[in-house]
Each structure stands twice: as C-alpha cells, then as structure tokens.
C-alpha cells in the first residue's frame, strides 16, 4: 500500500513539474530583428525610407517583450535592422 501511495504521489509531482516547465518561458529566438527609432532616423537621413517597398514597421522594446511573453520566449539573439 505504501508503494502505491508513493508511486501516485511521485507521478502527481512529476505531472506538476512538467506543467510548470511548459508554462515557463523556455524558447530562444535566434533570428530577431529590432528597429530602434535612431536607426530608422539614420536611414531616413540618407534617403532610405522603405524595405522592399514597404515602410519600416514600428518597433519598441515593449512590443518585443509582449511577443516574447505571448510565445514563452526566454531570450533573443537580435540583429539591428531589416533587409533593405
């Protein structure tokens, strides 16, 4: 009887640990672009106002953090800019 209770407790604990692991941010985005306003302004100052004919998207650290939270991303490896 003790073995059954220990086994059930252990399985319950493992289930809880697995749920916790799945709920914590654990991904790493290894291809993340940022477009700080100073960079966009520098590009615009030399006449570059679009990327592939489209205006530069708005970017902010807060938006990045929101995307990271939504997708459970723990960290990013970022690159400055967008493909021109």
PDB file of N, CA and C in Angstrom:
ATOM      1  N   UNK A   1       0.812  -1.183   0.000  1.00  0.00           N
ATOM      2  CA  UNK A   1       0.000   0.000   0.000  1.00  0.00           C
ATOM      3  C   UNK A   1       0.863   1.258   0.000  1.00  0.00           C
ATOM      4  N   UNK A   2       1.920   1.269   0.754  1.00  0.00           N
ATOM      5  CA  UNK A   2       2.814   2.421   0.780  1.00  0.00           C
ATOM      6  C   UNK A   2       3.423   2.663  -0.594  1.00  0.00           C
ATOM      7  N   UNK A   3       3.782   1.581  -1.289  1.00  0.00           N
ATOM      8  CA  UNK A   3       4.361   1.706  -2.614  1.00  0.00           C
ATOM      9  C   UNK A   3       3.386   2.391  -3.573  1.00  0.00           C
ATOM     10  N   UNK A   4       2.120   2.017  -3.534  1.00  0.00           N
ATOM     11  CA  UNK A   4       1.112   2.608  -4.402  1.00  0.00           C
ATOM     12  C   UNK A   4       0.956   4.089  -4.116  1.00  0.00           C
ATOM     13  N   UNK A   5       0.880   4.453  -2.831  1.00  0.00           N
ATOM     14  CA  UNK A   5       0.751   5.867  -2.486  1.00  0.00           C
ATOM     15  C   UNK A   5       1.983   6.654  -2.923  1.00  0.00           C
ATOM     16  N   UNK A   6       3.181   6.120  -2.708  1.00  0.00           N
ATOM     17  CA  UNK A   6       4.405   6.811  -3.128  1.00  0.00           C
ATOM     18  C   UNK A   6       4.424   6.990  -4.636  1.00  0.00           C
ATOM     19  N   UNK A   7       4.045   5.934  -5.324  1.00  0.00           N
ATOM     20  CA  UNK A   7       4.049   5.983  -6.781  1.00  0.00           C
ATOM     21  C   UNK A   7       3.060   7.049  -7.261  1.00  0.00           C
ATOM     22  N   UNK A   8       1.861   7.079  -6.715  1.00  0.00           N
ATOM     23  CA  UNK A   8       0.863   8.076  -7.129  1.00  0.00           C
ATOM     24  C   UNK A   8       1.338   9.489  -6.809  1.00  0.00           C
ATOM     25  N   UNK A   9       1.943   9.657  -5.625  1.00  0.00           N
ATOM     26  CA  UNK A   9       2.459  10.961  -5.257  1.00  0.00           C
ATOM     27  C   UNK A   9       3.554  11.387  -6.224  1.00  0.00           C
ATOM     28  N   UNK A  10       4.453  10.462  -6.539  1.00  0.00           N
ATOM     29  CA  UNK A  10       5.557  10.754  -7.444  1.00  0.00           C
ATOM     30  C   UNK A  10       5.032  11.129  -8.822  1.00  0.00           C
ATOM     31  N   UNK A  11       4.067  10.375  -9.328  1.00  0.00           N
ATOM     32  CA  UNK A  11       3.509  10.675 -10.642  1.00  0.00           C
ATOM     33  C   UNK A  11       2.794  12.024 -10.629  1.00  0.00           C
ATOM     34  N   UNK A  12       2.096  12.323  -9.531  1.00  0.00           N
ATOM     35  CA  UNK A  12       1.437  13.622  -9.409  1.00  0.00           C
ATOM     36  C   UNK A  12       2.436  14.756  -9.377  1.00  0.00           C
ATOM     37  N   UNK A  13       3.533  14.561  -8.655  1.00  0.00           N
ATOM     38  CA  UNK A  13       4.575  15.570  -8.560  1.00  0.00           C
ATOM     39  C   UNK A  13       5.235  15.788  -9.918  1.00  0.00           C
ATOM     40  N   UNK A  14       5.540  14.707 -10.620  1.00  0.00           N
ATOM     41  CA  UNK A  14       6.144  14.820 -11.952  1.00  0.00           C
ATOM     42  C   UNK A  14       5.204  15.550 -12.907  1.00  0.00           C
ATOM     43  N   UNK A  15       3.914  15.274 -12.809  1.00  0.00           N
ATOM     44  CA  UNK A  15       2.932  15.947 -13.652  1.00  0.00           C
ATOM     45  C   UNK A  15       2.933  17.453 -13.367  1.00  0.00           C
ATOM     46  N   UNK A  16       2.969  17.816 -12.097  1.00  0.00           N
ATOM     47  CA  UNK A  16       3.008  19.232 -11.719  1.00  0.00           C
ATOM     48  C   UNK A  16       4.283  19.901 -12.231  1.00  0.00           C
ATOM     49  N   UNK A  17       5.402  19.229 -12.089  1.00  0.00           N
ATOM     50  CA  UNK A  17       6.679  19.773 -12.559  1.00  0.00           C
ATOM     51  C   UNK A  17       6.643  19.955 -14.068  1.00  0.00           C
ATOM     52  N   UNK A  18       6.106  18.987 -14.796  1.00  0.00           N
ATOM     53  CA  UNK A  18       6.021  19.091 -16.250  1.00  0.00           C
ATOM     54  C   UNK A  18       5.120  20.245 -16.672  1.00  0.00           C
ATOM     55  N   UNK A  19       4.000  20.440 -15.968  1.00  0.00           N
ATOM     56  CA  UNK A  19       3.115  21.567 -16.282  1.00  0.00           C
ATOM     57  C   UNK A  19       3.832  22.884 -16.031  1.00  0.00           C
ATOM     58  N   UNK A  20       4.587  22.974 -14.953  1.00  0.00           N
ATOM     59  CA  UNK A  20       5.322  24.184 -14.631  1.00  0.00           C
ATOM     60  C   UNK A  20       6.375  24.460 -15.696  1.00  0.00           C
ATOM     61  N   UNK A  21       7.084  23.428 -16.132  1.00  0.00           N
ATOM     62  CA  UNK A  21       8.097  23.607 -17.177  1.00  0.00           C
ATOM     63  C   UNK A  21       7.465  24.134 -18.454  1.00  0.00           C
ATOM     64  N   UNK A  22       6.291  23.613 -18.809  1.00  0.00           N
ATOM     65  CA  UNK A  22       5.628  24.054 -20.038  1.00  0.00           C
ATOM     66  C   UNK A  22       5.125  25.477 -19.919  1.00  0.00           C
ATOM     67  N   UNK A  23       4.844  25.941 -18.706  1.00  0.00           N
ATOM     68  CA  UNK A  23       4.298  27.276 -18.540  1.00  0.00           C
ATOM     69  C   UNK A  23       5.394  28.344 -18.468  1.00  0.00           C
ATOM     70  N   UNK A  24       6.622  27.971 -18.207  1.00  0.00           N
ATOM     71  CA  UNK A  24       7.714  28.929 -18.088  1.00  0.00           C
ATOM     72  C   UNK A  24       8.303  29.246 -19.468  1.00  0.00           C
ATOM     73  N   UNK A  25       8.730  30.495 -19.684  1.00  0.00           N
ATOM     74  CA  UNK A  25       9.416  30.804 -20.946  1.00  0.00           C
ATOM     75  C   UNK A  25      10.635  29.913 -21.101  1.00  0.00           C
ATOM     76  N   UNK A  26      10.779  29.308 -22.257  1.00  0.00           N
ATOM     77  CA  UNK A  26      11.890  28.376 -22.434  1.00  0.00           C
ATOM     78  C   UNK A  26      12.477  28.421 -23.837  1.00  0.00           C
ATOM     79  N   UNK A  27      11.887  29.192 -24.732  1.00  0.00           N
ATOM     80  CA  UNK A  27      12.386  29.246 -26.098  1.00  0.00           C
ATOM     81  C   UNK A  27      13.430  30.357 -26.224  1.00  0.00           C
ATOM     82  N   UNK A  28      14.291  30.207 -27.237  1.00  0.00           N
ATOM     83  CA  UNK A  28      15.245  31.250 -27.580  1.00  0.00           C
ATOM     84  C   UNK A  28      15.027  31.593 -29.046  1.00  0.00           C
ATOM     85  N   UNK A  29      14.697  32.842 -29.309  1.00  0.00           N
ATOM     86  CA  UNK A  29      14.506  33.330 -30.673  1.00  0.00           C
ATOM     87  C   UNK A  29      15.888  33.704 -31.203  1.00  0.00           C
ATOM     88  N   UNK A  30      16.380  32.957 -32.186  1.00  0.00           N
ATOM     89  CA  UNK A  30      17.735  33.182 -32.688  1.00  0.00           C
ATOM     90  C   UNK A  30      17.757  34.024 -33.961  1.00  0.00           C
ATOM     91  N   UNK A  31      16.620  34.598 -34.334  1.00  0.00           N
ATOM     92  CA  UNK A  31      16.558  35.427 -35.538  1.00  0.00           C
ATOM     93  C   UNK A  31      15.566  36.563 -35.296  1.00  0.00           C
ATOM     94  N   UNK A  32      15.950  37.488 -34.441  1.00  0.00           N
ATOM     95  CA  UNK A  32      15.045  38.554 -34.026  1.00  0.00           C
ATOM     96  C   UNK A  32      15.583  39.897 -34.509  1.00  0.00           C
ATOM     97  N   UNK A  33      14.777  40.625 -35.280  1.00  0.00           N
ATOM     98  CA  UNK A  33      15.186  41.932 -35.793  1.00  0.00           C
ATOM     99  C   UNK A  33      14.639  43.040 -34.909  1.00  0.00           C
ATOM    100  N   UNK A  34      15.452  44.057 -34.679  1.00  0.00           N
ATOM    101  CA  UNK A  34      14.975  45.236 -33.963  1.00  0.00           C
ATOM    102  C   UNK A  34      15.188  46.456 -34.855  1.00  0.00           C
ATOM    103  N   UNK A  35      14.319  47.439 -34.710  1.00  0.00           N
ATOM    104  CA  UNK A  35      14.410  48.685 -35.479  1.00  0.00           C
ATOM    105  C   UNK A  35      14.262  49.886 -34.547  1.00  0.00           C
ATOM    106  N   UNK A  36      15.291  50.202 -33.790  1.00  0.00           N
ATOM    107  CA  UNK A  36      15.197  51.360 -32.902  1.00  0.00           C
ATOM    108  C   UNK A  36      14.980  52.638 -33.714  1.00  0.00           C
ATOM    109  N   UNK A  37      14.317  53.587 -33.103  1.00  0.00           N
ATOM    110  CA  UNK A  37      13.989  54.828 -33.809  1.00  0.00           C
ATOM    111  C   UNK A  37      15.237  55.563 -34.293  1.00  0.00           C
ATOM    112  N   UNK A  38      16.345  55.510 -33.555  1.00  0.00           N
ATOM    113  CA  UNK A  38      17.562  56.199 -34.001  1.00  0.00           C
ATOM    114  C   UNK A  38      18.103  55.578 -35.287  1.00  0.00           C
ATOM    115  N   UNK A  39      17.927  54.268 -35.445  1.00  0.00           N
ATOM    116  CA  UNK A  39      18.399  53.580 -36.651  1.00  0.00           C
ATOM    117  C   UNK A  39      17.522  53.953 -37.841  1.00  0.00           C
ATOM    118  N   UNK A  40      16.202  53.951 -37.634  1.00  0.00           N
ATOM    119  CA  UNK A  40      15.275  54.332 -38.698  1.00  0.00           C
ATOM    120  C   UNK A  40      15.544  55.779 -39.111  1.00  0.00           C
ATOM    121  N   UNK A  41      15.763  56.661 -38.148  1.00  0.00           N
ATOM    122  CA  UNK A  41      16.051  58.063 -38.441  1.00  0.00           C
ATOM    123  C   UNK A  41      17.349  58.203 -39.240  1.00  0.00           C
ATOM    124  N   UNK A  42      18.359  57.423 -38.895  1.00  0.00           N
ATOM    125  CA  UNK A  42      19.627  57.476 -39.624  1.00  0.00           C
ATOM    126  C   UNK A  42      19.434  57.022 -41.069  1.00  0.00           C
ATOM    127  N   UNK A  43      18.656  55.954 -41.259  1.00  0.00           N
ATOM    128  CA  UNK A  43      18.380  55.501 -42.622  1.00  0.00           C
ATOM    129  C   UNK A  43      17.613  56.559 -43.409  1.00  0.00           C
ATOM    130  N   UNK A  44      16.605  57.137 -42.777  1.00  0.00           N
ATOM    131  CA  UNK A  44      15.810  58.169 -43.450  1.00  0.00           C
ATOM    132  C   UNK A  44      16.663  59.385 -43.811  1.00  0.00           C
ATOM    133  N   UNK A  45      17.655  59.699 -42.990  1.00  0.00           N
ATOM    134  CA  UNK A  45      18.512  60.855 -43.250  1.00  0.00           C
ATOM    135  C   UNK A  45      19.370  60.672 -44.503  1.00  0.00           C
ATOM    136  N   UNK A  46      19.557  59.432 -44.932  1.00  0.00           N
ATOM    137  CA  UNK A  46      20.316  59.176 -46.162  1.00  0.00           C
ATOM    138  C   UNK A  46      19.399  58.706 -47.296  1.00  0.00           C
ATOM    139  N   UNK A  47      18.085  58.917 -47.098  1.00  0.00           N
ATOM    140  CA  UNK A  47      17.130  58.658 -48.168  1.00  0.00           C
ATOM    141  C   UNK A  47      16.544  57.257 -48.221  1.00  0.00           C
ATOM    142  N   UNK A  48      16.834  56.432 -47.236  1.00  0.00           N
ATOM    143  CA  UNK A  48      16.259  55.080 -47.200  1.00  0.00           C
ATOM    144  C   UNK A  48      15.032  55.124 -46.300  1.00  0.00           C
ATOM    145  N   UNK A  49      13.869  54.961 -46.922  1.00  0.00           N
ATOM    146  CA  UNK A  49      12.625  55.094 -46.156  1.00  0.00           C
ATOM    147  C   UNK A  49      11.760  53.841 -46.197  1.00  0.00           C
ATOM    148  N   UNK A  50      12.190  52.834 -46.951  1.00  0.00           N
ATOM    149  CA  UNK A  50      11.407  51.606 -47.059  1.00  0.00           C
ATOM    150  C   UNK A  50      12.322  50.387 -47.087  1.00  0.00           C
ATOM    151  N   UNK A  51      11.723  49.244 -46.871  1.00  0.00           N
ATOM    152  CA  UNK A  51      12.394  47.952 -47.037  1.00  0.00           C
ATOM    153  C   UNK A  51      11.496  47.118 -47.944  1.00  0.00           C
ATOM    154  N   UNK A  52      12.020  46.729 -49.088  1.00  0.00           N
ATOM    155  CA  UNK A  52      11.232  46.000 -50.085  1.00  0.00           C
ATOM    156  C   UNK A  52       9.990  46.775 -50.500  1.00  0.00           C
ATOM    157  N   UNK A  53      10.088  48.110 -50.530  1.00  0.00           N
ATOM    158  CA  UNK A  53       8.971  48.948 -50.933  1.00  0.00           C
ATOM    159  C   UNK A  53       7.935  49.182 -49.847  1.00  0.00           C
ATOM    160  N   UNK A  54       8.160  48.636 -48.675  1.00  0.00           N
ATOM    161  CA  UNK A  54       7.222  48.819 -47.554  1.00  0.00           C
ATOM    162  C   UNK A  54       7.845  49.730 -46.508  1.00  0.00           C
ATOM    163  N   UNK A  55       7.023  50.561 -45.866  1.00  0.00           N
ATOM    164  CA  UNK A  55       7.587  51.412 -44.803  1.00  0.00           C
ATOM    165  C   UNK A  55       8.127  50.553 -43.656  1.00  0.00           C
ATOM    166  N   UNK A  56       9.090  51.103 -42.975  1.00  0.00           N
ATOM    167  CA  UNK A  56       9.642  50.373 -41.832  1.00  0.00           C
ATOM    168  C   UNK A  56       8.545  50.153 -40.789  1.00  0.00           C
ATOM    169  N   UNK A  57       8.477  48.957 -40.246  1.00  0.00           N
ATOM    170  CA  UNK A  57       7.470  48.721 -39.201  1.00  0.00           C
ATOM    171  C   UNK A  57       7.849  49.445 -37.913  1.00  0.00           C
ATOM    172  N   UNK A  58       6.840  49.780 -37.126  1.00  0.00           N
ATOM    173  CA  UNK A  58       7.109  50.346 -35.807  1.00  0.00           C
ATOM    174  C   UNK A  58       7.717  49.249 -34.948  1.00  0.00           C
ATOM    175  N   UNK A  59       8.659  49.633 -34.109  1.00  0.00           N
ATOM    176  CA  UNK A  59       9.284  48.671 -33.194  1.00  0.00           C
ATOM    177  C   UNK A  59       9.464  49.350 -31.849  1.00  0.00           C
ATOM    178  N   UNK A  60       9.291  48.571 -30.799  1.00  0.00           N
ATOM    179  CA  UNK A  60       9.573  49.075 -29.449  1.00  0.00           C
ATOM    180  C   UNK A  60       9.998  47.905 -28.569  1.00  0.00           C
ATOM    181  N   UNK A  61      10.788  48.191 -27.545  1.00  0.00           N
ATOM    182  CA  UNK A  61      11.155  47.129 -26.608  1.00  0.00           C
ATOM    183  C   UNK A  61       9.919  46.507 -25.953  1.00  0.00           C
ATOM    184  N   UNK A  62       8.908  47.340 -25.673  1.00  0.00           N
ATOM    185  CA  UNK A  62       7.689  46.831 -25.033  1.00  0.00           C
ATOM    186  C   UNK A  62       6.962  45.834 -25.940  1.00  0.00           C
ATOM    187  N   UNK A  63       6.920  46.140 -27.239  1.00  0.00           N
ATOM    188  CA  UNK A  63       6.283  45.223 -28.179  1.00  0.00           C
ATOM    189  C   UNK A  63       7.048  43.899 -28.241  1.00  0.00           C
ATOM    190  N   UNK A  64       8.372  43.998 -28.268  1.00  0.00           N
ATOM    191  CA  UNK A  64       9.191  42.782 -28.270  1.00  0.00           C
ATOM    192  C   UNK A  64       8.918  41.943 -27.028  1.00  0.00           C
ATOM    193  N   UNK A  65       8.864  42.585 -25.867  1.00  0.00           N
ATOM    194  CA  UNK A  65       8.602  41.845 -24.627  1.00  0.00           C
ATOM    195  C   UNK A  65       7.223  41.191 -24.663  1.00  0.00           C
ATOM    196  N   UNK A  66       6.239  41.875 -25.234  1.00  0.00           N
ATOM    197  CA  UNK A  66       4.903  41.303 -25.359  1.00  0.00           C
ATOM    198  C   UNK A  66       4.903  40.064 -26.231  1.00  0.00           C
ATOM    199  N   UNK A  67       5.613  40.128 -27.352  1.00  0.00           N
ATOM    200  CA  UNK A  67       5.718  38.970 -28.252  1.00  0.00           C
ATOM    201  C   UNK A  67       6.436  37.828 -27.545  1.00  0.00           C
ATOM    202  N   UNK A  68       7.487  38.170 -26.802  1.00  0.00           N
ATOM    203  CA  UNK A  68       8.226  37.138 -26.069  1.00  0.00           C
ATOM    204  C   UNK A  68       7.330  36.467 -25.030  1.00  0.00           C
ATOM    205  N   UNK A  69       6.582  37.263 -24.282  1.00  0.00           N
ATOM    206  CA  UNK A  69       5.688  36.702 -23.268  1.00  0.00           C
ATOM    207  C   UNK A  69       4.619  35.818 -23.906  1.00  0.00           C
ATOM    208  N   UNK A  70       4.009  36.317 -24.972  1.00  0.00           N
ATOM    209  CA  UNK A  70       2.932  35.574 -25.644  1.00  0.00           C
ATOM    210  C   UNK A  70       3.414  34.217 -26.151  1.00  0.00           C
ATOM    211  N   UNK A  71       4.658  34.164 -26.619  1.00  0.00           N
ATOM    212  CA  UNK A  71       5.191  32.938 -27.205  1.00  0.00           C
ATOM    213  C   UNK A  71       6.137  32.183 -26.281  1.00  0.00           C
ATOM    214  N   UNK A  72       6.178  32.597 -25.007  1.00  0.00           N
ATOM    215  CA  UNK A  72       7.021  31.948 -23.992  1.00  0.00           C
ATOM    216  C   UNK A  72       8.482  31.875 -24.446  1.00  0.00           C
ATOM    217  N   UNK A  73       8.984  33.023 -24.918  1.00  0.00           N
ATOM    218  CA  UNK A  73      10.375  33.131 -25.346  1.00  0.00           C
ATOM    219  C   UNK A  73      11.168  33.723 -24.186  1.00  0.00           C
ATOM    220  N   UNK A  74      12.224  33.028 -23.803  1.00  0.00           N
ATOM    221  CA  UNK A  74      13.020  33.462 -22.656  1.00  0.00           C
ATOM    222  C   UNK A  74      14.095  34.479 -23.046  1.00  0.00           C
ATOM    223  N   UNK A  75      14.611  34.375 -24.272  1.00  0.00           N
ATOM    224  CA  UNK A  75      15.716  35.234 -24.674  1.00  0.00           C
ATOM    225  C   UNK A  75      15.727  35.358 -26.185  1.00  0.00           C
ATOM    226  N   UNK A  76      16.396  36.397 -26.689  1.00  0.00           N
ATOM    227  CA  UNK A  76      16.516  36.585 -28.134  1.00  0.00           C
ATOM    228  C   UNK A  76      17.961  36.885 -28.503  1.00  0.00           C
ATOM    229  N   UNK A  77      18.330  36.482 -29.695  1.00  0.00           N
ATOM    230  CA  UNK A  77      19.587  36.895 -30.314  1.00  0.00           C
ATOM    231  C   UNK A  77      19.158  37.851 -31.418  1.00  0.00           C
ATOM    232  N   UNK A  78      19.410  39.131 -31.242  1.00  0.00           N
ATOM    233  CA  UNK A  78      18.839  40.109 -32.153  1.00  0.00           C
ATOM    234  C   UNK A  78      19.862  40.636 -33.132  1.00  0.00           C
ATOM    235  N   UNK A  79      19.325  41.117 -34.236  1.00  0.00           N
ATOM    236  CA  UNK A  79      20.112  41.794 -35.241  1.00  0.00           C
ATOM    237  C   UNK A  79      19.504  43.157 -35.498  1.00  0.00           C
ATOM    238  N   UNK A  80      20.336  44.146 -35.703  1.00  0.00           N
ATOM    239  CA  UNK A  80      19.869  45.504 -35.938  1.00  0.00           C
ATOM    240  C   UNK A  80      19.337  45.620 -37.356  1.00  0.00           C
ATOM    241  N   UNK A  81      18.122  46.093 -37.488  1.00  0.00           N
ATOM    242  CA  UNK A  81      17.597  46.444 -38.788  1.00  0.00           C
ATOM    243  C   UNK A  81      16.756  45.398 -39.468  1.00  0.00           C
ATOM    244  N   UNK A  82      16.569  45.665 -40.734  1.00  0.00           N
ATOM    245  CA  UNK A  82      15.767  44.817 -41.601  1.00  0.00           C
ATOM    246  C   UNK A  82      16.502  44.685 -42.912  1.00  0.00           C
ATOM    247  N   UNK A  83      16.133  43.735 -43.692  1.00  0.00           N
ATOM    248  CA  UNK A  83      16.764  43.573 -45.004  1.00  0.00           C
ATOM    249  C   UNK A  83      16.321  44.737 -45.874  1.00  0.00           C
ATOM    250  N   UNK A  84      17.276  45.404 -46.507  1.00  0.00           N
ATOM    251  CA  UNK A  84      16.939  46.569 -47.333  1.00  0.00           C
ATOM    252  C   UNK A  84      16.842  46.201 -48.768  1.00  0.00           C
TER     253      UNK A  84
END
